[in-house]
């Protein structure tokens, strides 16, 4: 092999290595402690955990936990305990933490709560749709201390 063949082989090898490095996935964070997006979501959703009371009637939502995918483990109290047909957390516009709850048991007929977490006041605020009466009400829940 002559000198020019060796240089050409070396140049091709370096070019291939450069292209491969440029198209590879970005390296992991140097600290190794960077949370995954799913872990960040789970941490953010954890703020919903707890007992939330609606001061205008004593209704309560008890949130035991929120899965990384947004599934909420919760129960409604009015004053008796009722299960939610659906309970989900999500991110809305601007990253707002949102919670949706649907009640079908106990004569609620598909009534829903569409709430947003207000971090400044540690409240869940939004709209209650009373399906039987077909009416909407502005409501909020305070965290029970």
C-alpha atoms as a PDB file:
ATOM      1  CA  UNK A   1       0.000   0.000   0.000  1.00  0.00           C
ATOM      2  CA  UNK A   2       1.466   3.361  -0.936  1.00  0.00           C
ATOM      3  CA  UNK A   3       1.396   6.578   1.057  1.00  0.00           C
ATOM      4  CA  UNK A   4      -1.504   8.167  -0.885  1.00  0.00           C
ATOM      5  CA  UNK A   5      -3.700   5.056  -0.401  1.00  0.00           C
ATOM      6  CA  UNK A   6      -3.062   5.135   3.333  1.00  0.00           C
ATOM      7  CA  UNK A   7      -3.920   8.859   3.512  1.00  0.00           C
ATOM      8  CA  UNK A   8      -7.110   8.337   1.464  1.00  0.00           C
ATOM      9  CA  UNK A   9      -8.196   5.437   3.716  1.00  0.00           C
ATOM     10  CA  UNK A  10      -7.502   7.553   6.806  1.00  0.00           C
ATOM     11  CA  UNK A  11      -9.454  10.528   5.386  1.00  0.00           C
ATOM     12  CA  UNK A  12     -12.471   8.344   4.548  1.00  0.00           C
ATOM     13  CA  UNK A  13     -12.393   6.756   8.006  1.00  0.00           C
ATOM     14  CA  UNK A  14     -12.297  10.174   9.711  1.00  0.00           C
ATOM     15  CA  UNK A  15     -15.180  11.443   7.543  1.00  0.00           C
ATOM     16  CA  UNK A  16     -17.340   8.424   8.367  1.00  0.00           C
ATOM     17  CA  UNK A  17     -16.548   8.820  12.073  1.00  0.00           C
ATOM     18  CA  UNK A  18     -17.440  12.557  11.953  1.00  0.00           C
ATOM     19  CA  UNK A  19     -20.790  11.900  10.239  1.00  0.00           C
ATOM     20  CA  UNK A  20     -21.628   9.128  12.702  1.00  0.00           C
ATOM     21  CA  UNK A  21     -20.816  11.382  15.672  1.00  0.00           C
ATOM     22  CA  UNK A  22     -22.877  14.256  14.257  1.00  0.00           C
ATOM     23  CA  UNK A  23     -25.974  12.104  13.769  1.00  0.00           C
ATOM     24  CA  UNK A  24     -25.752  10.169  17.036  1.00  0.00           C
ATOM     25  CA  UNK A  25     -28.116  10.875  19.936  1.00  0.00           C
ATOM     26  CA  UNK A  26     -26.920  13.619  22.298  1.00  0.00           C
ATOM     27  CA  UNK A  27     -24.852  12.352  25.213  1.00  0.00           C
ATOM     28  CA  UNK A  28     -26.454  11.875  28.620  1.00  0.00           C
ATOM     29  CA  UNK A  29     -26.132  14.712  31.102  1.00  0.00           C
ATOM     30  CA  UNK A  30     -22.692  14.928  32.637  1.00  0.00           C
ATOM     31  CA  UNK A  31     -24.058  14.575  36.158  1.00  0.00           C
ATOM     32  CA  UNK A  32     -26.035  11.463  35.256  1.00  0.00           C
ATOM     33  CA  UNK A  33     -28.879  12.803  37.426  1.00  0.00           C
ATOM     34  CA  UNK A  34     -31.010  14.429  34.735  1.00  0.00           C
ATOM     35  CA  UNK A  35     -34.586  13.160  35.114  1.00  0.00           C
ATOM     36  CA  UNK A  36     -36.389  11.722  32.120  1.00  0.00           C
ATOM     37  CA  UNK A  37     -39.435  13.625  30.806  1.00  0.00           C
ATOM     38  CA  UNK A  38     -41.695  10.941  32.324  1.00  0.00           C
ATOM     39  CA  UNK A  39     -39.981  11.351  35.706  1.00  0.00           C
ATOM     40  CA  UNK A  40     -40.391  15.142  35.541  1.00  0.00           C
ATOM     41  CA  UNK A  41     -44.097  14.734  34.763  1.00  0.00           C
ATOM     42  CA  UNK A  42     -44.563  12.297  37.628  1.00  0.00           C
ATOM     43  CA  UNK A  43     -42.855  14.727  40.007  1.00  0.00           C
ATOM     44  CA  UNK A  44     -45.007  17.611  38.748  1.00  0.00           C
ATOM     45  CA  UNK A  45     -48.195  15.570  39.073  1.00  0.00           C
ATOM     46  CA  UNK A  46     -47.283  14.682  42.671  1.00  0.00           C
ATOM     47  CA  UNK A  47     -48.308  18.185  43.758  1.00  0.00           C
ATOM     48  CA  UNK A  48     -51.926  17.074  43.230  1.00  0.00           C
ATOM     49  CA  UNK A  49     -51.679  14.400  45.911  1.00  0.00           C
ATOM     50  CA  UNK A  50     -53.723  15.168  49.000  1.00  0.00           C
ATOM     51  CA  UNK A  51     -57.226  16.083  50.121  1.00  0.00           C
ATOM     52  CA  UNK A  52     -58.936  18.979  48.335  1.00  0.00           C
ATOM     53  CA  UNK A  53     -62.072  20.608  49.806  1.00  0.00           C
ATOM     54  CA  UNK A  54     -64.600  22.768  47.984  1.00  0.00           C
ATOM     55  CA  UNK A  55     -65.460  25.423  50.588  1.00  0.00           C
ATOM     56  CA  UNK A  56     -68.936  26.160  49.187  1.00  0.00           C
ATOM     57  CA  UNK A  57     -70.318  22.779  50.195  1.00  0.00           C
ATOM     58  CA  UNK A  58     -67.677  20.619  51.806  1.00  0.00           C
ATOM     59  CA  UNK A  59     -67.274  18.370  48.775  1.00  0.00           C
ATOM     60  CA  UNK A  60     -63.887  16.691  48.808  1.00  0.00           C
ATOM     61  CA  UNK A  61     -61.549  15.058  46.292  1.00  0.00           C
ATOM     62  CA  UNK A  62     -58.985  12.749  47.890  1.00  0.00           C
ATOM     63  CA  UNK A  63     -56.058  12.135  45.541  1.00  0.00           C
ATOM     64  CA  UNK A  64     -53.885   9.205  46.613  1.00  0.00           C
ATOM     65  CA  UNK A  65     -51.511   9.403  43.673  1.00  0.00           C
ATOM     66  CA  UNK A  66     -50.936  10.220  40.019  1.00  0.00           C
ATOM     67  CA  UNK A  67     -49.196   7.873  37.592  1.00  0.00           C
ATOM     68  CA  UNK A  68     -46.586   9.217  35.175  1.00  0.00           C
ATOM     69  CA  UNK A  69     -49.111   8.808  32.332  1.00  0.00           C
ATOM     70  CA  UNK A  70     -51.627  11.031  34.150  1.00  0.00           C
ATOM     71  CA  UNK A  71     -54.018   8.446  35.616  1.00  0.00           C
ATOM     72  CA  UNK A  72     -55.255   9.816  38.968  1.00  0.00           C
ATOM     73  CA  UNK A  73     -56.086   7.480  41.863  1.00  0.00           C
ATOM     74  CA  UNK A  74     -58.827   9.476  43.612  1.00  0.00           C
ATOM     75  CA  UNK A  75     -62.197   9.339  45.368  1.00  0.00           C
ATOM     76  CA  UNK A  76     -64.986  11.908  45.700  1.00  0.00           C
ATOM     77  CA  UNK A  77     -66.835  12.622  48.954  1.00  0.00           C
ATOM     78  CA  UNK A  78     -70.289  14.294  49.125  1.00  0.00           C
ATOM     79  CA  UNK A  79     -70.323  13.458  52.081  1.00  0.00           C
ATOM     80  CA  UNK A  80     -70.373   9.731  51.259  1.00  0.00           C
ATOM     81  CA  UNK A  81     -67.595   8.168  49.230  1.00  0.00           C
ATOM     82  CA  UNK A  82     -68.065   7.844  45.440  1.00  0.00           C
ATOM     83  CA  UNK A  83     -65.677   6.536  42.793  1.00  0.00           C
ATOM     84  CA  UNK A  84     -64.676   8.577  39.768  1.00  0.00           C
ATOM     85  CA  UNK A  85     -65.498   7.015  36.401  1.00  0.00           C
ATOM     86  CA  UNK A  86     -62.500   8.891  35.016  1.00  0.00           C
ATOM     87  CA  UNK A  87     -59.724  10.878  36.699  1.00  0.00           C
ATOM     88  CA  UNK A  88     -56.789  12.205  34.677  1.00  0.00           C
ATOM     89  CA  UNK A  89     -54.012  14.773  34.969  1.00  0.00           C
ATOM     90  CA  UNK A  90     -52.437  16.510  31.994  1.00  0.00           C
ATOM     91  CA  UNK A  91     -50.498  19.578  30.904  1.00  0.00           C
ATOM     92  CA  UNK A  92     -52.432  22.388  29.260  1.00  0.00           C
ATOM     93  CA  UNK A  93     -51.348  25.516  27.447  1.00  0.00           C
ATOM     94  CA  UNK A  94     -48.238  27.084  28.878  1.00  0.00           C
ATOM     95  CA  UNK A  95     -47.542  23.975  30.949  1.00  0.00           C
ATOM     96  CA  UNK A  96     -50.556  24.461  33.238  1.00  0.00           C
ATOM     97  CA  UNK A  97     -51.232  21.371  35.333  1.00  0.00           C
ATOM     98  CA  UNK A  98     -54.808  20.243  34.690  1.00  0.00           C
ATOM     99  CA  UNK A  99     -57.073  17.649  36.310  1.00  0.00           C
ATOM    100  CA  UNK A 100     -60.253  16.138  34.891  1.00  0.00           C
ATOM    101  CA  UNK A 101     -62.747  14.136  36.946  1.00  0.00           C
ATOM    102  CA  UNK A 102     -65.960  12.438  35.823  1.00  0.00           C
ATOM    103  CA  UNK A 103     -68.677  11.129  38.143  1.00  0.00           C
ATOM    104  CA  UNK A 104     -71.307   8.659  36.995  1.00  0.00           C
ATOM    105  CA  UNK A 105     -72.276   6.992  40.302  1.00  0.00           C
ATOM    106  CA  UNK A 106     -74.763   8.248  42.861  1.00  0.00           C
ATOM    107  CA  UNK A 107     -77.034  10.143  40.464  1.00  0.00           C
ATOM    108  CA  UNK A 108     -74.266  12.349  39.042  1.00  0.00           C
ATOM    109  CA  UNK A 109     -74.956  11.144  35.484  1.00  0.00           C
ATOM    110  CA  UNK A 110     -71.621  12.151  33.923  1.00  0.00           C
ATOM    111  CA  UNK A 111     -70.979  15.353  35.874  1.00  0.00           C
ATOM    112  CA  UNK A 112     -67.408  16.610  35.505  1.00  0.00           C
ATOM    113  CA  UNK A 113     -64.800  18.787  37.120  1.00  0.00           C
ATOM    114  CA  UNK A 114     -62.278  20.478  34.804  1.00  0.00           C
ATOM    115  CA  UNK A 115     -59.674  22.015  37.095  1.00  0.00           C
ATOM    116  CA  UNK A 116     -56.295  23.710  36.825  1.00  0.00           C
ATOM    117  CA  UNK A 117     -53.669  23.821  39.560  1.00  0.00           C
ATOM    118  CA  UNK A 118     -52.935  27.344  40.802  1.00  0.00           C
ATOM    119  CA  UNK A 119     -49.467  27.078  42.402  1.00  0.00           C
ATOM    120  CA  UNK A 120     -49.516  30.632  43.798  1.00  0.00           C
ATOM    121  CA  UNK A 121     -52.573  29.830  45.950  1.00  0.00           C
ATOM    122  CA  UNK A 122     -52.167  26.025  46.127  1.00  0.00           C
ATOM    123  CA  UNK A 123     -55.694  25.585  44.743  1.00  0.00           C
ATOM    124  CA  UNK A 124     -57.518  23.666  42.057  1.00  0.00           C
ATOM    125  CA  UNK A 125     -59.772  26.077  40.152  1.00  0.00           C
ATOM    126  CA  UNK A 126     -62.113  25.561  37.257  1.00  0.00           C
ATOM    127  CA  UNK A 127     -65.582  24.496  36.204  1.00  0.00           C
ATOM    128  CA  UNK A 128     -68.007  21.943  37.588  1.00  0.00           C
ATOM    129  CA  UNK A 129     -70.520  20.703  35.024  1.00  0.00           C
ATOM    130  CA  UNK A 130     -73.624  19.326  36.723  1.00  0.00           C
ATOM    131  CA  UNK A 131     -74.840  16.946  34.009  1.00  0.00           C
ATOM    132  CA  UNK A 132     -78.315  16.257  35.437  1.00  0.00           C
ATOM    133  CA  UNK A 133     -79.188  19.984  35.590  1.00  0.00           C
ATOM    134  CA  UNK A 134     -77.022  20.781  32.525  1.00  0.00           C
ATOM    135  CA  UNK A 135     -75.433  23.714  34.353  1.00  0.00           C
ATOM    136  CA  UNK A 136     -71.843  24.907  34.818  1.00  0.00           C
ATOM    137  CA  UNK A 137     -70.429  26.468  37.968  1.00  0.00           C
ATOM    138  CA  UNK A 138     -67.088  28.155  38.643  1.00  0.00           C
ATOM    139  CA  UNK A 139     -65.533  26.337  41.586  1.00  0.00           C
ATOM    140  CA  UNK A 140     -62.282  25.923  43.462  1.00  0.00           C
ATOM    141  CA  UNK A 141     -60.823  23.416  45.883  1.00  0.00           C
ATOM    142  CA  UNK A 142     -58.436  24.269  48.709  1.00  0.00           C
ATOM    143  CA  UNK A 143     -55.890  21.805  49.969  1.00  0.00           C
ATOM    144  CA  UNK A 144     -57.018  20.429  53.354  1.00  0.00           C
ATOM    145  CA  UNK A 145     -54.251  20.979  55.886  1.00  0.00           C
END
